[in-house]
Structures are given as C-alpha cells and as structure tokens.
Amino acid sequence: MTNILIIGATGSVGSVTRQYFLDNTDDQLTLMARSTARLGKLSDRERAVTGSVTDAAVLQDALKGQDVVFAALSGNLAGMAKSLIAGMDEAGVKRLLFIASMGIYNEIPASLGASGNLRRNPMLKGYRNAADAVEASDLNYTVIRPGWFDNGGDTDYQVTKKGEPFGGHDVSRQSIADLVMRLAHDETLGSRDSLGINRK
C-alpha cells in the first residue's frame, strides 16, 4: 500500500487517475483541490485537503505521510512547480510525478505536425518552465508529457523518453492514469526522466 497525494484531483486527469487508483490498487489517497466539494463522496481510503499548492501551510498538511505526489495542475505552472518542490523538500517527500505537455522539447516530428512544438506554440512556455524547475530539483521526479487527452477507455499506449521523437497525437486519460500508477509503485521507473505518452 502506497500513500498518494493527487494535486488537482478535480481536474479531468486528476479525477480519472483518482478512480483508476481506487479500482486497481489498495493505496491511500489524499485529494487536494481548490474546491474539494466537487470530489463528491469520499471512500474510506481517501481524505480531502482544500487549498492551493502555493499555500505553504495547506501543502504541508497535504504532504504529511505521503510516499508519492502526482500533480496535474493548471494556471501558473512554473510558480506552482517551484512551490511544490520547496514544500516537498521541507516535508522530506521525494517522489514527484508531474504532468506537462508534449512539444515542450520540440520533440514532435514533422509527420505528426510540428506546429505542436514550443518553437511554434508559445502557449507551451509555461509547461516548459515548470518542467525545467522540476528537472533542476533534487527530487526523484518523472515529468509526464501526454498527447491531447480524450475519454477513451483504452490503456493502449506508448512511452518515449526525453530526446526521442514523440509517438502520436492523442492518448486516453485512462492511459495516463495507468502510467501514473506504474510510476507510483516503482520508484526507479522513469526516475529523473521526462516521459512522453501517446496512444499506440
């Protein structure tokens, strides 16, 4: 049994990942969100923490006793990443799984549409800055770079490492949840690496 903190638990990836962990593990989940009322009824393996990752006191409460942090954030990603890294260092929690985006390293080949790369899409700069902050930390991190996610019920996915060309446009949220589950239970898998994930 692993203690998992899901930050952004009411978002589209966070909520699917929450359910995937409940269905496929016996892990204990701490669910952190700005509006925890949207979580609905909690199971006996869950607790909720209301607040933002940039609130140091709330974050320390959420980090207490955790083995793994999964962050699926939106907004000022670089600022949130830096707050999270500082909080994890203070709490002594080492394993961070952090959602970014495909294209932040200009790794999408022309055959898939290079317009999805950072050099053509400045909206990705926030994801890149956040990934850079995570990679500069001393944490046992894995940056996860999904393709465009959808509600497919499949877990038919391919993983690419940093420096390898990205493999495809899209991926199911369930596939992302499956990869997060695997990473959460193996601290050597994807350790201090950045993994692209796309549908095969």
C-alpha atoms as a PDB file:
ATOM      1  CA  MET A   1       0.000   0.000   0.000  1.00  0.00           C
ATOM      2  CA  THR A   2       1.276   3.422  -1.021  1.00  0.00           C
ATOM      3  CA  ASN A   3       0.207   6.854   0.193  1.00  0.00           C
ATOM      4  CA  ILE A   4      -0.515   9.033  -2.839  1.00  0.00           C
ATOM      5  CA  LEU A   5      -1.215  12.761  -2.915  1.00  0.00           C
ATOM      6  CA  ILE A   6      -3.166  13.805  -6.020  1.00  0.00           C
ATOM      7  CA  ILE A   7      -2.939  17.569  -6.551  1.00  0.00           C
ATOM      8  CA  GLY A   8      -5.555  18.814  -8.983  1.00  0.00           C
ATOM      9  CA  ALA A   9      -7.842  15.943  -8.026  1.00  0.00           C
ATOM     10  CA  THR A  10     -10.992  17.527  -9.501  1.00  0.00           C
ATOM     11  CA  GLY A  11      -9.432  18.147 -12.929  1.00  0.00           C
ATOM     12  CA  SER A  12     -10.026  15.851 -15.879  1.00  0.00           C
ATOM     13  CA  VAL A  13      -6.770  13.902 -15.468  1.00  0.00           C
ATOM     14  CA  GLY A  14      -6.776  14.024 -11.664  1.00  0.00           C
ATOM     15  CA  SER A  15     -10.318  12.669 -11.363  1.00  0.00           C
ATOM     16  CA  VAL A  16      -9.723   9.783 -13.790  1.00  0.00           C
ATOM     17  CA  THR A  17      -6.458   8.948 -12.004  1.00  0.00           C
ATOM     18  CA  ARG A  18      -8.236   9.004  -8.632  1.00  0.00           C
ATOM     19  CA  GLN A  19     -10.799   6.472  -9.837  1.00  0.00           C
ATOM     20  CA  TYR A  20      -8.136   4.314 -11.504  1.00  0.00           C
ATOM     21  CA  PHE A  21      -6.213   4.054  -8.234  1.00  0.00           C
ATOM     22  CA  LEU A  22      -9.384   3.190  -6.324  1.00  0.00           C
ATOM     23  CA  ASP A  23     -10.241   0.470  -8.854  1.00  0.00           C
ATOM     24  CA  ASN A  24      -6.775  -1.051  -9.287  1.00  0.00           C
ATOM     25  CA  THR A  25      -4.828  -0.567  -6.031  1.00  0.00           C
ATOM     26  CA  ASP A  26      -5.251  -0.606  -2.259  1.00  0.00           C
ATOM     27  CA  ASP A  27      -3.421   2.736  -1.976  1.00  0.00           C
ATOM     28  CA  GLN A  28      -4.483   5.512   0.392  1.00  0.00           C
ATOM     29  CA  LEU A  29      -5.306   8.725  -1.474  1.00  0.00           C
ATOM     30  CA  THR A  30      -5.097  12.344  -0.347  1.00  0.00           C
ATOM     31  CA  LEU A  31      -7.046  14.529  -2.766  1.00  0.00           C
ATOM     32  CA  MET A  32      -6.035  18.175  -2.944  1.00  0.00           C
ATOM     33  CA  ALA A  33      -8.075  20.753  -4.854  1.00  0.00           C
ATOM     34  CA  ARG A  34      -9.219  24.337  -4.564  1.00  0.00           C
ATOM     35  CA  SER A  35     -12.852  23.160  -4.414  1.00  0.00           C
ATOM     36  CA  THR A  36     -12.995  19.754  -2.725  1.00  0.00           C
ATOM     37  CA  ALA A  37     -16.822  19.867  -2.713  1.00  0.00           C
ATOM     38  CA  ARG A  38     -16.531  18.770  -6.362  1.00  0.00           C
ATOM     39  CA  LEU A  39     -14.943  15.488  -5.269  1.00  0.00           C
ATOM     40  CA  GLY A  40     -18.294  14.058  -4.180  1.00  0.00           C
ATOM     41  CA  LYS A  41     -18.435  11.247  -1.649  1.00  0.00           C
ATOM     42  CA  LEU A  42     -15.062  10.024  -0.410  1.00  0.00           C
ATOM     43  CA  SER A  43     -14.238   6.363   0.061  1.00  0.00           C
ATOM     44  CA  ASP A  44     -12.689   5.086   3.300  1.00  0.00           C
ATOM     45  CA  ARG A  45      -9.286   5.195   1.540  1.00  0.00           C
ATOM     46  CA  GLU A  46      -9.463   8.908   0.768  1.00  0.00           C
ATOM     47  CA  ARG A  47      -9.096  12.227   2.540  1.00  0.00           C
ATOM     48  CA  ALA A  48      -9.533  15.690   1.072  1.00  0.00           C
ATOM     49  CA  VAL A  49      -7.401  18.806   1.532  1.00  0.00           C
ATOM     50  CA  THR A  50      -8.820  22.127   0.313  1.00  0.00           C
ATOM     51  CA  GLY A  51      -6.437  24.761  -0.995  1.00  0.00           C
ATOM     52  CA  SER A  52      -3.760  25.745  -3.443  1.00  0.00           C
ATOM     53  CA  VAL A  53      -0.295  24.286  -3.876  1.00  0.00           C
ATOM     54  CA  THR A  54       1.054  27.810  -3.379  1.00  0.00           C
ATOM     55  CA  ASP A  55      -0.303  27.896   0.202  1.00  0.00           C
ATOM     56  CA  ALA A  56       2.673  26.517   2.147  1.00  0.00           C
ATOM     57  CA  ALA A  57       0.694  25.554   5.279  1.00  0.00           C
ATOM     58  CA  VAL A  58      -2.022  23.727   3.337  1.00  0.00           C
ATOM     59  CA  LEU A  59       0.610  21.965   1.230  1.00  0.00           C
ATOM     60  CA  GLN A  60       2.490  20.760   4.325  1.00  0.00           C
ATOM     61  CA  ASP A  61      -0.745  19.306   5.703  1.00  0.00           C
ATOM     62  CA  ALA A  62      -1.379  17.500   2.433  1.00  0.00           C
ATOM     63  CA  LEU A  63       2.215  16.183   2.200  1.00  0.00           C
ATOM     64  CA  LYS A  64       2.197  14.636   5.670  1.00  0.00           C
ATOM     65  CA  GLY A  65       2.948  10.904   5.427  1.00  0.00           C
ATOM     66  CA  GLN A  66       2.960  10.782   1.618  1.00  0.00           C
ATOM     67  CA  ASP A  67       5.106   8.444  -0.475  1.00  0.00           C
ATOM     68  CA  VAL A  68       4.270   9.872  -3.907  1.00  0.00           C
ATOM     69  CA  VAL A  69       2.914  13.180  -5.214  1.00  0.00           C
ATOM     70  CA  PHE A  70       1.027  13.321  -8.511  1.00  0.00           C
ATOM     71  CA  ALA A  71       0.491  16.878  -9.776  1.00  0.00           C
ATOM     72  CA  ALA A  72      -1.964  17.617 -12.586  1.00  0.00           C
ATOM     73  CA  LEU A  73      -2.091  21.410 -12.362  1.00  0.00           C
ATOM     74  CA  SER A  74      -3.298  24.348 -14.430  1.00  0.00           C
ATOM     75  CA  GLY A  75      -2.503  28.043 -14.184  1.00  0.00           C
ATOM     76  CA  ASN A  76       0.912  29.493 -13.347  1.00  0.00           C
ATOM     77  CA  LEU A  77       2.629  26.142 -13.694  1.00  0.00           C
ATOM     78  CA  ALA A  78       6.204  27.297 -13.098  1.00  0.00           C
ATOM     79  CA  GLY A  79       5.240  29.126  -9.908  1.00  0.00           C
ATOM     80  CA  MET A  80       3.207  26.155  -8.688  1.00  0.00           C
ATOM     81  CA  ALA A  81       6.037  23.750  -9.524  1.00  0.00           C
ATOM     82  CA  LYS A  82       8.508  25.822  -7.500  1.00  0.00           C
ATOM     83  CA  SER A  83       6.111  25.977  -4.513  1.00  0.00           C
ATOM     84  CA  LEU A  84       5.567  22.233  -4.730  1.00  0.00           C
ATOM     85  CA  ILE A  85       9.295  21.456  -4.924  1.00  0.00           C
ATOM     86  CA  ALA A  86      10.013  23.661  -1.905  1.00  0.00           C
ATOM     87  CA  GLY A  87       7.178  22.057   0.037  1.00  0.00           C
ATOM     88  CA  MET A  88       8.290  18.521  -0.811  1.00  0.00           C
ATOM     89  CA  ASP A  89      11.855  19.345   0.213  1.00  0.00           C
ATOM     90  CA  GLU A  90      10.574  20.674   3.533  1.00  0.00           C
ATOM     91  CA  ALA A  91       8.366  17.634   4.106  1.00  0.00           C
ATOM     92  CA  GLY A  92      11.037  15.139   3.022  1.00  0.00           C
ATOM     93  CA  VAL A  93       8.847  13.630   0.269  1.00  0.00           C
ATOM     94  CA  LYS A  94      10.952  12.684  -2.757  1.00  0.00           C
ATOM     95  CA  ARG A  95       8.782  11.096  -5.476  1.00  0.00           C
ATOM     96  CA  LEU A  96       7.056  13.581  -7.806  1.00  0.00           C
ATOM     97  CA  LEU A  97       5.020  12.733 -10.908  1.00  0.00           C
ATOM     98  CA  PHE A  98       4.307  15.961 -12.791  1.00  0.00           C
ATOM     99  CA  ILE A  99       2.057  16.470 -15.824  1.00  0.00           C
ATOM    100  CA  ALA A 100       3.455  18.783 -18.520  1.00  0.00           C
ATOM    101  CA  SER A 101       2.715  18.601 -22.252  1.00  0.00           C
ATOM    102  CA  MET A 102       4.039  17.124 -25.448  1.00  0.00           C
ATOM    103  CA  GLY A 103       6.059  19.545 -27.560  1.00  0.00           C
ATOM    104  CA  ILE A 104       7.953  21.300 -24.762  1.00  0.00           C
ATOM    105  CA  TYR A 105      11.294  19.990 -26.082  1.00  0.00           C
ATOM    106  CA  ASN A 106      10.323  20.439 -29.767  1.00  0.00           C
ATOM    107  CA  GLU A 107      10.153  16.655 -29.911  1.00  0.00           C
ATOM    108  CA  ILE A 108       7.065  16.322 -32.132  1.00  0.00           C
ATOM    109  CA  PRO A 109       8.240  15.189 -35.599  1.00  0.00           C
ATOM    110  CA  ALA A 110       7.018  16.956 -38.747  1.00  0.00           C
ATOM    111  CA  SER A 111       4.989  13.853 -39.667  1.00  0.00           C
ATOM    112  CA  LEU A 112       2.772  14.494 -36.628  1.00  0.00           C
ATOM    113  CA  GLY A 113       2.562  18.257 -37.101  1.00  0.00           C
ATOM    114  CA  ALA A 114       5.482  20.279 -35.808  1.00  0.00           C
ATOM    115  CA  SER A 115       3.115  23.194 -35.069  1.00  0.00           C
ATOM    116  CA  GLY A 116       2.578  21.442 -31.710  1.00  0.00           C
ATOM    117  CA  ASN A 117       6.166  22.221 -30.692  1.00  0.00           C
ATOM    118  CA  LEU A 118       7.253  25.018 -28.374  1.00  0.00           C
ATOM    119  CA  ARG A 119       9.100  26.884 -31.129  1.00  0.00           C
ATOM    120  CA  ARG A 120       5.756  27.261 -32.964  1.00  0.00           C
ATOM    121  CA  ASN A 121       3.387  27.330 -29.975  1.00  0.00           C
ATOM    122  CA  PRO A 122       4.360  29.856 -27.280  1.00  0.00           C
ATOM    123  CA  MET A 123       1.483  28.665 -25.061  1.00  0.00           C
ATOM    124  CA  LEU A 124       3.740  25.736 -24.126  1.00  0.00           C
ATOM    125  CA  LYS A 125       6.301  28.024 -22.455  1.00  0.00           C
ATOM    126  CA  GLY A 126       4.624  27.673 -19.048  1.00  0.00           C
ATOM    127  CA  TYR A 127       4.796  23.877 -19.281  1.00  0.00           C
ATOM    128  CA  ARG A 128       8.459  24.055 -20.288  1.00  0.00           C
ATOM    129  CA  ASN A 129       9.330  26.436 -17.446  1.00  0.00           C
ATOM    130  CA  ALA A 130       7.597  24.137 -14.960  1.00  0.00           C
ATOM    131  CA  ALA A 131       9.390  21.076 -16.356  1.00  0.00           C
ATOM    132  CA  ASP A 132      12.722  22.925 -16.158  1.00  0.00           C
ATOM    133  CA  ALA A 133      12.049  23.711 -12.478  1.00  0.00           C
ATOM    134  CA  VAL A 134      11.189  20.094 -11.725  1.00  0.00           C
ATOM    135  CA  GLU A 135      14.260  18.819 -13.580  1.00  0.00           C
ATOM    136  CA  ALA A 136      16.520  21.236 -11.674  1.00  0.00           C
ATOM    137  CA  SER A 137      15.256  19.893  -8.326  1.00  0.00           C
ATOM    138  CA  ASP A 138      16.819  17.138  -6.229  1.00  0.00           C
ATOM    139  CA  LEU A 139      13.551  15.152  -6.251  1.00  0.00           C
ATOM    140  CA  ASN A 140      13.022  11.695  -7.704  1.00  0.00           C
ATOM    141  CA  TYR A 141      10.783  13.144 -10.392  1.00  0.00           C
ATOM    142  CA  THR A 142       9.106  11.947 -13.557  1.00  0.00           C
ATOM    143  CA  VAL A 143       7.777  14.610 -15.903  1.00  0.00           C
ATOM    144  CA  ILE A 144       4.870  13.165 -17.941  1.00  0.00           C
ATOM    145  CA  ARG A 145       4.235  14.677 -21.375  1.00  0.00           C
ATOM    146  CA  PRO A 146       0.875  13.463 -22.715  1.00  0.00           C
ATOM    147  CA  GLY A 147      -0.549  13.956 -26.164  1.00  0.00           C
ATOM    148  CA  TRP A 148      -4.018  15.503 -26.409  1.00  0.00           C
ATOM    149  CA  PHE A 149      -6.065  13.506 -23.929  1.00  0.00           C
ATOM    150  CA  ASP A 150      -9.511  12.057 -24.507  1.00  0.00           C
ATOM    151  CA  ASN A 151     -12.043   9.892 -22.686  1.00  0.00           C
ATOM    152  CA  GLY A 152     -11.131   6.632 -24.426  1.00  0.00           C
ATOM    153  CA  GLY A 153     -11.426   3.545 -22.246  1.00  0.00           C
ATOM    154  CA  ASP A 154      -8.170   2.036 -23.526  1.00  0.00           C
ATOM    155  CA  THR A 155      -4.738   1.689 -21.950  1.00  0.00           C
ATOM    156  CA  ASP A 156      -3.048   1.069 -25.287  1.00  0.00           C
ATOM    157  CA  TYR A 157      -0.155   3.487 -25.061  1.00  0.00           C
ATOM    158  CA  GLN A 158       3.480   4.065 -25.967  1.00  0.00           C
ATOM    159  CA  VAL A 159       6.089   5.827 -23.822  1.00  0.00           C
ATOM    160  CA  THR A 160       9.019   7.815 -25.213  1.00  0.00           C
ATOM    161  CA  LYS A 161      11.923   9.280 -23.273  1.00  0.00           C
ATOM    162  CA  LYS A 162      13.333  12.789 -23.394  1.00  0.00           C
ATOM    163  CA  GLY A 163      15.377  13.181 -26.562  1.00  0.00           C
ATOM    164  CA  GLU A 164      13.258  10.678 -28.518  1.00  0.00           C
ATOM    165  CA  PRO A 165      10.671  11.795 -31.100  1.00  0.00           C
ATOM    166  CA  PHE A 166       7.099  11.876 -29.818  1.00  0.00           C
ATOM    167  CA  GLY A 167       4.998   8.949 -30.999  1.00  0.00           C
ATOM    168  CA  GLY A 168       1.457  10.195 -31.651  1.00  0.00           C
ATOM    169  CA  HIS A 169      -1.179  12.902 -31.262  1.00  0.00           C
ATOM    170  CA  ASP A 170      -3.550  11.643 -28.602  1.00  0.00           C
ATOM    171  CA  VAL A 171      -3.881   9.456 -25.537  1.00  0.00           C
ATOM    172  CA  SER A 172      -6.664   8.423 -23.169  1.00  0.00           C
ATOM    173  CA  ARG A 173      -6.821   9.849 -19.660  1.00  0.00           C
ATOM    174  CA  GLN A 174      -7.054   6.239 -18.518  1.00  0.00           C
ATOM    175  CA  SER A 175      -3.672   5.524 -20.145  1.00  0.00           C
ATOM    176  CA  ILE A 176      -2.155   8.457 -18.259  1.00  0.00           C
ATOM    177  CA  ALA A 177      -3.655   7.073 -15.033  1.00  0.00           C
ATOM    178  CA  ASP A 178      -2.175   3.641 -15.752  1.00  0.00           C
ATOM    179  CA  LEU A 179       1.291   5.117 -16.305  1.00  0.00           C
ATOM    180  CA  VAL A 180       0.970   7.177 -13.093  1.00  0.00           C
ATOM    181  CA  MET A 181       0.017   4.016 -11.189  1.00  0.00           C
ATOM    182  CA  ARG A 182       3.048   2.141 -12.545  1.00  0.00           C
ATOM    183  CA  LEU A 183       5.381   5.048 -11.732  1.00  0.00           C
ATOM    184  CA  ALA A 184       3.930   5.404  -8.235  1.00  0.00           C
ATOM    185  CA  HIS A 185       4.689   1.772  -7.438  1.00  0.00           C
ATOM    186  CA  ASP A 186       8.220   1.666  -8.897  1.00  0.00           C
ATOM    187  CA  GLU A 187      10.496   4.499  -7.794  1.00  0.00           C
ATOM    188  CA  THR A 188      13.133   3.503 -10.367  1.00  0.00           C
ATOM    189  CA  LEU A 189      10.750   3.645 -13.353  1.00  0.00           C
ATOM    190  CA  GLY A 190      11.138   6.962 -15.157  1.00  0.00           C
ATOM    191  CA  SER A 191      13.373   8.190 -12.346  1.00  0.00           C
ATOM    192  CA  ARG A 192      14.647  11.741 -13.039  1.00  0.00           C
ATOM    193  CA  ASP A 193      13.369  11.455 -16.607  1.00  0.00           C
ATOM    194  CA  SER A 194      10.719  13.015 -18.815  1.00  0.00           C
ATOM    195  CA  LEU A 195       8.329  10.577 -20.471  1.00  0.00           C
ATOM    196  CA  GLY A 196       6.078  11.240 -23.450  1.00  0.00           C
ATOM    197  CA  ILE A 197       2.876   9.191 -23.598  1.00  0.00           C
ATOM    198  CA  ASN A 198       0.656   8.672 -26.638  1.00  0.00           C
ATOM    199  CA  ARG A 199      -1.833   6.133 -27.969  1.00  0.00           C
ATOM    200  CA  LYS A 200      -0.153   3.363 -29.956  1.00  0.00           C
END
